[in-house]
């Protein structure tokens, strides 16, 4: 029985080793990040302070939860109400604009007569034999 040769290392074996090394380095960096040894801590800026209106500002006095808060109208803080959108029906639409009429049709262009400018062919068109000779004078 013949002995088989051991497998050879190729470029793909080297690429496999490089990718394994990259995975191991990535796992190491991830472990440092998760253990907080790799300190990249930054403090976020303070957010704006938010003040909410109190629940006692309701003028309805019903005291039910989920009711809308009605504030007294001030002329300085009153918001402009949008104008109502008018209803559009077929009676309120204007008639479509008239299409332009064609004054006169342009005559169709006629192609000029073709003038032969090509030189007469000296060799017949088609398969042109190659000047290359096969060894042994075979044809």
C-alpha atoms as a PDB file:
ATOM      1  CA  UNK A   1       0.000   0.000   0.000  1.00  0.00           C
ATOM      2  CA  UNK A   2       1.365   3.384  -1.007  1.00  0.00           C
ATOM      3  CA  UNK A   3       1.801   6.150   1.526  1.00  0.00           C
ATOM      4  CA  UNK A   4      -0.090   9.364   0.880  1.00  0.00           C
ATOM      5  CA  UNK A   5       1.765  12.649   0.848  1.00  0.00           C
ATOM      6  CA  UNK A   6       0.958  15.056   3.697  1.00  0.00           C
ATOM      7  CA  UNK A   7      -1.339  17.972   2.712  1.00  0.00           C
ATOM      8  CA  UNK A   8       0.428  21.126   1.560  1.00  0.00           C
ATOM      9  CA  UNK A   9      -0.187  24.556   3.014  1.00  0.00           C
ATOM     10  CA  UNK A  10      -1.573  26.906   0.392  1.00  0.00           C
ATOM     11  CA  UNK A  11      -2.464  30.597   0.367  1.00  0.00           C
ATOM     12  CA  UNK A  12      -5.914  29.674   1.635  1.00  0.00           C
ATOM     13  CA  UNK A  13      -4.377  28.192   4.771  1.00  0.00           C
ATOM     14  CA  UNK A  14      -2.577  31.502   5.348  1.00  0.00           C
ATOM     15  CA  UNK A  15      -5.795  33.472   4.812  1.00  0.00           C
ATOM     16  CA  UNK A  16      -7.530  31.196   7.318  1.00  0.00           C
ATOM     17  CA  UNK A  17      -4.808  31.937   9.891  1.00  0.00           C
ATOM     18  CA  UNK A  18      -5.101  35.698   9.318  1.00  0.00           C
ATOM     19  CA  UNK A  19      -8.890  35.612   9.738  1.00  0.00           C
ATOM     20  CA  UNK A  20      -8.547  33.533  12.933  1.00  0.00           C
ATOM     21  CA  UNK A  21      -6.114  36.121  14.308  1.00  0.00           C
ATOM     22  CA  UNK A  22      -8.527  38.946  13.455  1.00  0.00           C
ATOM     23  CA  UNK A  23     -11.383  37.168  15.240  1.00  0.00           C
ATOM     24  CA  UNK A  24      -9.224  36.615  18.339  1.00  0.00           C
ATOM     25  CA  UNK A  25      -8.154  40.295  18.413  1.00  0.00           C
ATOM     26  CA  UNK A  26     -11.786  41.363  18.050  1.00  0.00           C
ATOM     27  CA  UNK A  27     -12.830  39.122  20.935  1.00  0.00           C
ATOM     28  CA  UNK A  28     -10.027  40.543  23.091  1.00  0.00           C
ATOM     29  CA  UNK A  29     -11.030  44.161  22.352  1.00  0.00           C
ATOM     30  CA  UNK A  30     -14.690  43.320  23.040  1.00  0.00           C
ATOM     31  CA  UNK A  31     -13.720  41.773  26.394  1.00  0.00           C
ATOM     32  CA  UNK A  32     -11.769  44.929  27.287  1.00  0.00           C
ATOM     33  CA  UNK A  33     -14.736  47.106  26.312  1.00  0.00           C
ATOM     34  CA  UNK A  34     -17.195  45.063  28.355  1.00  0.00           C
ATOM     35  CA  UNK A  35     -14.951  44.958  31.424  1.00  0.00           C
ATOM     36  CA  UNK A  36     -14.491  48.765  31.347  1.00  0.00           C
ATOM     37  CA  UNK A  37     -10.715  48.443  31.253  1.00  0.00           C
ATOM     38  CA  UNK A  38     -10.730  50.133  27.876  1.00  0.00           C
ATOM     39  CA  UNK A  39     -12.050  53.471  29.168  1.00  0.00           C
ATOM     40  CA  UNK A  40     -13.828  55.506  26.540  1.00  0.00           C
ATOM     41  CA  UNK A  41     -16.303  57.058  28.964  1.00  0.00           C
ATOM     42  CA  UNK A  42     -17.702  60.428  28.016  1.00  0.00           C
ATOM     43  CA  UNK A  43     -20.228  62.468  29.916  1.00  0.00           C
ATOM     44  CA  UNK A  44     -23.210  63.609  27.887  1.00  0.00           C
ATOM     45  CA  UNK A  45     -24.167  67.282  28.071  1.00  0.00           C
ATOM     46  CA  UNK A  46     -26.993  68.239  30.378  1.00  0.00           C
ATOM     47  CA  UNK A  47     -30.392  68.285  28.701  1.00  0.00           C
ATOM     48  CA  UNK A  48     -32.813  71.202  28.762  1.00  0.00           C
ATOM     49  CA  UNK A  49     -35.121  71.548  31.723  1.00  0.00           C
ATOM     50  CA  UNK A  50     -38.747  70.834  30.945  1.00  0.00           C
ATOM     51  CA  UNK A  51     -41.583  72.463  32.858  1.00  0.00           C
ATOM     52  CA  UNK A  52     -45.050  70.979  32.591  1.00  0.00           C
ATOM     53  CA  UNK A  53     -48.250  72.836  33.364  1.00  0.00           C
ATOM     54  CA  UNK A  54     -49.871  71.912  36.643  1.00  0.00           C
ATOM     55  CA  UNK A  55     -53.089  69.909  36.765  1.00  0.00           C
ATOM     56  CA  UNK A  56     -54.849  72.735  38.633  1.00  0.00           C
ATOM     57  CA  UNK A  57     -54.795  74.978  35.549  1.00  0.00           C
ATOM     58  CA  UNK A  58     -57.958  73.303  34.269  1.00  0.00           C
ATOM     59  CA  UNK A  59     -60.924  75.650  34.155  1.00  0.00           C
ATOM     60  CA  UNK A  60     -63.491  72.860  33.758  1.00  0.00           C
ATOM     61  CA  UNK A  61     -62.961  71.604  37.318  1.00  0.00           C
ATOM     62  CA  UNK A  62     -64.323  68.154  36.465  1.00  0.00           C
ATOM     63  CA  UNK A  63     -61.237  66.420  37.830  1.00  0.00           C
ATOM     64  CA  UNK A  64     -61.499  63.435  35.463  1.00  0.00           C
ATOM     65  CA  UNK A  65     -58.325  61.861  34.234  1.00  0.00           C
ATOM     66  CA  UNK A  66     -57.567  62.149  30.529  1.00  0.00           C
ATOM     67  CA  UNK A  67     -59.568  65.340  30.122  1.00  0.00           C
ATOM     68  CA  UNK A  68     -58.079  68.097  28.029  1.00  0.00           C
ATOM     69  CA  UNK A  69     -56.504  70.965  29.909  1.00  0.00           C
ATOM     70  CA  UNK A  70     -58.188  74.235  28.979  1.00  0.00           C
ATOM     71  CA  UNK A  71     -56.021  77.275  29.557  1.00  0.00           C
ATOM     72  CA  UNK A  72     -57.402  80.827  29.578  1.00  0.00           C
ATOM     73  CA  UNK A  73     -56.963  82.549  26.254  1.00  0.00           C
ATOM     74  CA  UNK A  74     -54.278  85.170  26.199  1.00  0.00           C
ATOM     75  CA  UNK A  75     -53.872  87.468  23.257  1.00  0.00           C
ATOM     76  CA  UNK A  76     -50.093  87.257  23.501  1.00  0.00           C
ATOM     77  CA  UNK A  77     -49.917  83.450  23.562  1.00  0.00           C
ATOM     78  CA  UNK A  78     -52.946  82.619  21.444  1.00  0.00           C
ATOM     79  CA  UNK A  79     -52.127  80.592  18.386  1.00  0.00           C
ATOM     80  CA  UNK A  80     -53.643  81.368  15.025  1.00  0.00           C
ATOM     81  CA  UNK A  81     -56.239  78.841  13.954  1.00  0.00           C
ATOM     82  CA  UNK A  82     -55.821  77.626  10.397  1.00  0.00           C
ATOM     83  CA  UNK A  83     -58.417  78.646   7.865  1.00  0.00           C
ATOM     84  CA  UNK A  84     -60.886  75.916   6.960  1.00  0.00           C
ATOM     85  CA  UNK A  85     -60.185  74.127   3.705  1.00  0.00           C
ATOM     86  CA  UNK A  86     -63.018  74.617   1.224  1.00  0.00           C
ATOM     87  CA  UNK A  87     -64.711  71.477  -0.059  1.00  0.00           C
ATOM     88  CA  UNK A  88     -63.910  70.656  -3.661  1.00  0.00           C
ATOM     89  CA  UNK A  89     -66.642  69.159  -5.797  1.00  0.00           C
ATOM     90  CA  UNK A  90     -67.122  68.810  -9.531  1.00  0.00           C
ATOM     91  CA  UNK A  91     -69.366  71.864  -9.469  1.00  0.00           C
ATOM     92  CA  UNK A  92     -66.622  74.071  -7.991  1.00  0.00           C
ATOM     93  CA  UNK A  93     -63.874  72.964 -10.392  1.00  0.00           C
ATOM     94  CA  UNK A  94     -63.185  75.209 -13.395  1.00  0.00           C
ATOM     95  CA  UNK A  95     -63.549  73.671 -16.843  1.00  0.00           C
ATOM     96  CA  UNK A  96     -60.350  72.297 -18.401  1.00  0.00           C
ATOM     97  CA  UNK A  97     -58.314  74.541 -20.666  1.00  0.00           C
ATOM     98  CA  UNK A  98     -58.796  74.064 -24.384  1.00  0.00           C
ATOM     99  CA  UNK A  99     -56.063  72.176 -26.203  1.00  0.00           C
ATOM    100  CA  UNK A 100     -54.167  74.109 -28.874  1.00  0.00           C
ATOM    101  CA  UNK A 101     -55.315  73.437 -32.403  1.00  0.00           C
ATOM    102  CA  UNK A 102     -52.899  72.353 -35.120  1.00  0.00           C
ATOM    103  CA  UNK A 103     -52.597  75.121 -37.690  1.00  0.00           C
ATOM    104  CA  UNK A 104     -50.961  73.169 -40.485  1.00  0.00           C
ATOM    105  CA  UNK A 105     -49.260  69.827 -40.588  1.00  0.00           C
ATOM    106  CA  UNK A 106     -45.604  69.956 -41.533  1.00  0.00           C
ATOM    107  CA  UNK A 107     -44.723  67.998 -44.674  1.00  0.00           C
ATOM    108  CA  UNK A 108     -42.870  64.756 -44.109  1.00  0.00           C
ATOM    109  CA  UNK A 109     -39.174  65.025 -44.950  1.00  0.00           C
ATOM    110  CA  UNK A 110     -37.997  63.092 -47.969  1.00  0.00           C
ATOM    111  CA  UNK A 111     -34.592  61.434 -47.834  1.00  0.00           C
ATOM    112  CA  UNK A 112     -32.021  62.442 -50.399  1.00  0.00           C
ATOM    113  CA  UNK A 113     -30.990  59.982 -53.045  1.00  0.00           C
ATOM    114  CA  UNK A 114     -28.070  57.831 -51.986  1.00  0.00           C
ATOM    115  CA  UNK A 115     -24.849  58.325 -53.902  1.00  0.00           C
ATOM    116  CA  UNK A 116     -22.462  55.368 -54.092  1.00  0.00           C
ATOM    117  CA  UNK A 117     -19.123  56.434 -52.597  1.00  0.00           C
ATOM    118  CA  UNK A 118     -17.704  52.996 -51.768  1.00  0.00           C
ATOM    119  CA  UNK A 119     -14.817  51.551 -53.764  1.00  0.00           C
ATOM    120  CA  UNK A 120     -15.470  48.259 -55.532  1.00  0.00           C
ATOM    121  CA  UNK A 121     -14.161  45.361 -53.472  1.00  0.00           C
ATOM    122  CA  UNK A 122     -10.998  43.718 -54.783  1.00  0.00           C
ATOM    123  CA  UNK A 123     -11.348  40.616 -52.597  1.00  0.00           C
ATOM    124  CA  UNK A 124     -14.546  38.679 -52.224  1.00  0.00           C
ATOM    125  CA  UNK A 125     -16.342  39.096 -48.941  1.00  0.00           C
ATOM    126  CA  UNK A 126     -16.633  36.062 -46.736  1.00  0.00           C
ATOM    127  CA  UNK A 127     -14.055  33.663 -45.379  1.00  0.00           C
ATOM    128  CA  UNK A 128     -10.509  34.882 -45.930  1.00  0.00           C
ATOM    129  CA  UNK A 129      -7.856  32.165 -45.786  1.00  0.00           C
ATOM    130  CA  UNK A 130      -5.169  32.602 -43.173  1.00  0.00           C
ATOM    131  CA  UNK A 131      -1.553  32.990 -44.314  1.00  0.00           C
ATOM    132  CA  UNK A 132      -0.530  30.758 -41.419  1.00  0.00           C
ATOM    133  CA  UNK A 133       0.791  27.362 -42.462  1.00  0.00           C
ATOM    134  CA  UNK A 134       0.311  24.230 -40.408  1.00  0.00           C
ATOM    135  CA  UNK A 135       3.374  22.126 -39.606  1.00  0.00           C
ATOM    136  CA  UNK A 136       3.850  19.156 -41.894  1.00  0.00           C
ATOM    137  CA  UNK A 137       2.167  20.927 -44.857  1.00  0.00           C
ATOM    138  CA  UNK A 138      -1.271  19.780 -43.840  1.00  0.00           C
ATOM    139  CA  UNK A 139      -4.209  21.583 -45.279  1.00  0.00           C
END
